[in-house]
Every structure is written in C-alpha cells, then in structure tokens.
Amino acid sequence: MLVKLIGSLLILISGSSLGWLIGFHYLKRIKELKELQVAINIFDTEISYGRTLLPEALEVVSESTHGSISNIYMQLATGLKKDRDKRFRDIFKEILSRYEEEVSLTPADIKILIEWSQQIGVTSLEGQRKANKMAIKRLEQVEKRAQDLADKRVKLSRYAGVLLSLLVIIALY
C-alpha cells in the first residue's frame, strides 16, 4: 500500500513537473523576445548617439542584458574582435546556431534576427538605424503573438501534466 502511494506520488510529481516545464518554455520565449528588443534598442543607441564601434557596442549590449541573450552578444563582440575579416551576419549566424538549443526562440524569430544581422556593418548608419527599428517592430509583433499563445497554452500544459499523470495512476491501479 505504501509503495503504491509513493509510486503514485512520484508519477504525479513527474507529470506535473513536465507540464510546468512545457509552460515555462512558452514564458521563456516571451522573456527572450523582450530581451532582444531591449538589446537591439541599446545597440541602436550605442551606434547612433554614442558613435561606438561595433564590438564595443555589442559588449555594452551584453552587459545590459541577461542570460542567453547576453551570452550571444558577448560571443558576437568577441568574434568580431578576433576575426575582423568575417562579416557580422556570418558570425551572428554561427553564434545563433551554437545557442539554438539554449534559447526558446522559434525558427521565425531567428529568421528576423538573421535578416536584421544582414544590414549591420554593411549599410550606412541611417540604414542600420532603420534595420534596428524594423527588427524591433517585428519582434514586438512576434512577442504579442507569443503572449497570446502563452496565455492559451501555459495553463493547458500545466493542467495536462497533472491530468495525464492522474490518468496513468488510475490506469496502473
């Protein structure tokens, strides 16, 4: 009897945890999209008003952001300092592919970032500012859709984790 109770409790805890982890993924994506908007905004300020060089501007962005996004920008700054012959977009694609498993961004989110990166370092300052503003606008739109999706799916995944684990418990006993 005690073994059944402990087993049931373990199944319930693991199923609930799985539901919470899935829900966390949706919320993490929203946080990362907001963080990217802040990062691009800081980057825009640094290159346009501070007239800061690209690697130094990326370091400022890295210091002003958190988590994986901060690491991506720090790696980008380091990559640009190490290999001045490589284009910004090539280094950015390479770094994004390294962090693909760590971030909760979708392929559509990454596509926005890659399109943004193609304008950085190759166009005029005004062209880069336009690219920054466009990327921020697109990320805001994606964030709104991600928020709507999270509103629907976070609760659903949490409840599903609990209910499916209860279903397994009932099926076993």
Protein backbone atom coordinates (compact mmCIF):
# COMPACT_ATOMS: atom_id res chain seq x y z
CA MET A 1 0.00 0.00 0.00
CA LEU A 2 2.77 2.42 0.93
CA VAL A 3 4.71 1.51 -2.23
CA LYS A 4 1.62 2.26 -4.36
CA LEU A 5 1.17 5.60 -2.62
CA ILE A 6 4.82 6.57 -3.12
CA GLY A 7 4.71 5.41 -6.75
CA SER A 8 1.54 7.40 -7.37
CA LEU A 9 3.08 10.45 -5.78
CA LEU A 10 6.20 10.15 -7.95
CA ILE A 11 4.09 9.81 -11.11
CA LEU A 12 2.02 12.84 -10.11
CA ILE A 13 5.09 14.94 -9.34
CA SER A 14 6.88 13.99 -12.56
CA GLY A 15 3.79 14.60 -14.73
CA SER A 16 3.13 17.94 -13.07
CA SER A 17 6.77 18.94 -13.46
CA LEU A 18 6.66 18.09 -17.14
CA GLY A 19 3.58 20.28 -17.60
CA TRP A 20 5.28 23.15 -15.78
CA LEU A 21 8.44 22.77 -17.89
CA ILE A 22 6.45 22.94 -21.11
CA GLY A 23 4.65 26.04 -19.82
CA PHE A 24 7.97 27.58 -18.81
CA HIS A 25 9.21 27.21 -22.40
CA TYR A 26 6.40 29.48 -23.67
CA LEU A 27 7.10 32.08 -20.98
CA LYS A 28 10.86 31.95 -21.59
CA ARG A 29 10.32 32.74 -25.27
CA ILE A 30 8.38 35.89 -24.37
CA LYS A 31 11.12 36.97 -21.98
CA GLU A 32 13.79 36.39 -24.64
CA LEU A 33 11.83 38.35 -27.26
CA LYS A 34 11.58 41.30 -24.85
CA GLU A 35 15.28 40.97 -24.06
CA LEU A 36 16.13 41.03 -27.77
CA GLN A 37 14.10 44.21 -28.25
CA VAL A 38 15.98 45.84 -25.39
CA ALA A 39 19.28 44.60 -26.82
CA ILE A 40 18.63 46.00 -30.29
CA ASN A 41 17.42 49.27 -28.77
CA ILE A 42 20.60 49.62 -26.71
CA PHE A 43 22.66 48.67 -29.76
CA ASP A 44 20.88 51.34 -31.80
CA THR A 45 21.58 53.97 -29.16
CA GLU A 46 25.24 52.99 -28.90
CA ILE A 47 25.97 53.11 -32.63
CA SER A 48 23.92 56.19 -33.44
CA TYR A 49 24.36 58.51 -30.46
CA GLY A 50 27.48 57.14 -28.82
CA ARG A 51 29.17 56.51 -32.17
CA THR A 52 30.60 53.41 -30.55
CA LEU A 53 32.41 50.84 -32.67
CA LEU A 54 30.53 47.61 -33.35
CA PRO A 55 32.39 45.25 -30.96
CA GLU A 56 32.27 47.76 -28.11
CA ALA A 57 28.57 48.44 -28.72
CA LEU A 58 27.90 44.70 -28.57
CA GLU A 59 29.78 44.47 -25.27
CA VAL A 60 27.59 47.24 -23.84
CA VAL A 61 24.53 45.31 -25.02
CA SER A 62 25.87 42.15 -23.40
CA GLU A 63 26.40 43.94 -20.09
CA SER A 64 22.88 45.38 -20.22
CA THR A 65 21.06 42.12 -20.96
CA HIS A 66 20.74 38.80 -19.16
CA GLY A 67 21.01 35.07 -19.72
CA SER A 68 21.48 33.53 -23.14
CA ILE A 69 20.87 36.82 -24.94
CA SER A 70 23.74 38.42 -23.03
CA ASN A 71 25.98 35.47 -23.87
CA ILE A 72 25.10 35.68 -27.56
CA TYR A 73 26.05 39.36 -27.72
CA MET A 74 29.27 38.81 -25.77
CA GLN A 75 30.25 35.97 -28.12
CA LEU A 76 29.41 38.22 -31.05
CA ALA A 77 31.65 41.01 -29.73
CA THR A 78 34.46 38.53 -29.11
CA GLY A 79 34.03 37.01 -32.56
CA LEU A 80 34.20 40.41 -34.25
CA LYS A 81 37.34 41.35 -32.34
CA LYS A 82 39.06 38.05 -33.15
CA ASP A 83 38.21 37.84 -36.82
CA ARG A 84 37.87 41.27 -38.39
CA ASP A 85 37.65 39.77 -41.88
CA LYS A 86 34.38 37.96 -41.20
CA ARG A 87 31.08 39.68 -41.75
CA PHE A 88 28.77 40.45 -38.84
CA ARG A 89 25.98 38.29 -40.26
CA ASP A 90 28.25 35.25 -40.67
CA ILE A 91 29.46 35.44 -37.08
CA PHE A 92 25.90 36.06 -35.88
CA LYS A 93 24.54 33.00 -37.74
CA GLU A 94 27.32 30.86 -36.34
CA ILE A 95 26.66 32.00 -32.77
CA LEU A 96 22.89 31.62 -33.10
CA SER A 97 23.36 28.04 -34.28
CA ARG A 98 25.51 27.36 -31.19
CA TYR A 99 22.84 28.73 -28.86
CA GLU A 100 19.88 27.20 -30.72
CA GLU A 101 19.25 24.57 -28.03
CA GLU A 102 19.68 27.03 -25.17
CA VAL A 103 17.16 29.63 -26.29
CA SER A 104 13.40 29.23 -26.70
CA LEU A 105 13.21 31.13 -29.95
CA THR A 106 11.36 29.69 -32.94
CA PRO A 107 12.84 29.48 -36.44
CA ALA A 108 10.69 32.50 -37.38
CA ASP A 109 12.23 34.52 -34.53
CA ILE A 110 15.72 33.52 -35.62
CA LYS A 111 14.89 34.47 -39.21
CA ILE A 112 14.04 38.01 -38.04
CA LEU A 113 17.40 38.23 -36.28
CA ILE A 114 19.31 36.90 -39.29
CA GLU A 115 17.59 39.39 -41.60
CA TRP A 116 18.49 42.15 -39.13
CA SER A 117 22.11 40.98 -38.99
CA GLN A 118 22.45 41.23 -42.77
CA GLN A 119 22.09 45.02 -42.53
CA ILE A 120 24.56 45.58 -39.71
CA GLY A 121 28.05 46.65 -40.71
CA VAL A 122 27.33 46.85 -44.44
CA THR A 123 24.88 49.75 -44.73
CA SER A 124 25.09 53.37 -43.70
CA LEU A 125 24.37 54.45 -40.15
CA GLU A 126 20.89 55.53 -41.22
CA GLY A 127 20.33 52.17 -42.92
CA GLN A 128 21.37 50.37 -39.77
CA ARG A 129 19.04 52.51 -37.66
CA LYS A 130 16.16 51.63 -39.99
CA ALA A 131 17.07 47.95 -39.75
CA ASN A 132 17.14 48.22 -35.94
CA LYS A 133 13.73 49.88 -35.81
CA MET A 134 12.27 47.34 -38.24
CA ALA A 135 13.66 44.42 -36.25
CA ILE A 136 12.26 45.85 -33.01
CA LYS A 137 8.87 46.35 -34.62
CA ARG A 138 8.81 42.80 -35.96
CA LEU A 139 9.94 41.40 -32.60
CA GLU A 140 7.14 43.34 -30.88
CA GLN A 141 4.61 41.75 -33.25
CA VAL A 142 6.04 38.29 -32.67
CA GLU A 143 6.06 38.92 -28.91
CA LYS A 144 2.36 39.81 -28.98
CA ARG A 145 1.55 36.58 -30.82
CA ALA A 146 3.78 34.64 -28.42
CA GLN A 147 1.96 36.22 -25.48
CA ASP A 148 -1.42 35.22 -26.93
CA LEU A 149 -0.16 31.70 -27.48
CA ALA A 150 1.29 31.51 -23.98
CA ASP A 151 -1.98 32.74 -22.47
CA LYS A 152 -3.69 29.75 -24.03
CA ARG A 153 -1.07 27.07 -23.68
CA VAL A 154 0.67 27.64 -20.35
CA LYS A 155 -2.37 26.76 -18.25
CA LEU A 156 -3.28 23.98 -20.66
CA SER A 157 0.14 22.35 -20.42
CA ARG A 158 0.19 22.61 -16.64
CA TYR A 159 -3.26 21.06 -16.30
CA ALA A 160 -2.43 18.43 -18.91
CA GLY A 161 0.65 17.38 -16.94
CA VAL A 162 -1.38 16.87 -13.78
CA LEU A 163 -4.33 15.21 -15.50
CA LEU A 164 -2.22 12.86 -17.61
CA SER A 165 -0.26 11.77 -14.57
CA LEU A 166 -3.56 11.12 -12.75
CA LEU A 167 -4.72 9.10 -15.76
CA VAL A 168 -1.56 6.99 -15.59
CA ILE A 169 -2.07 6.45 -11.86
CA ILE A 170 -5.67 5.35 -12.40
CA ALA A 171 -4.67 3.07 -15.28
CA LEU A 172 -1.97 1.41 -13.18
CA TYR A 173 -4.20 0.79 -10.17
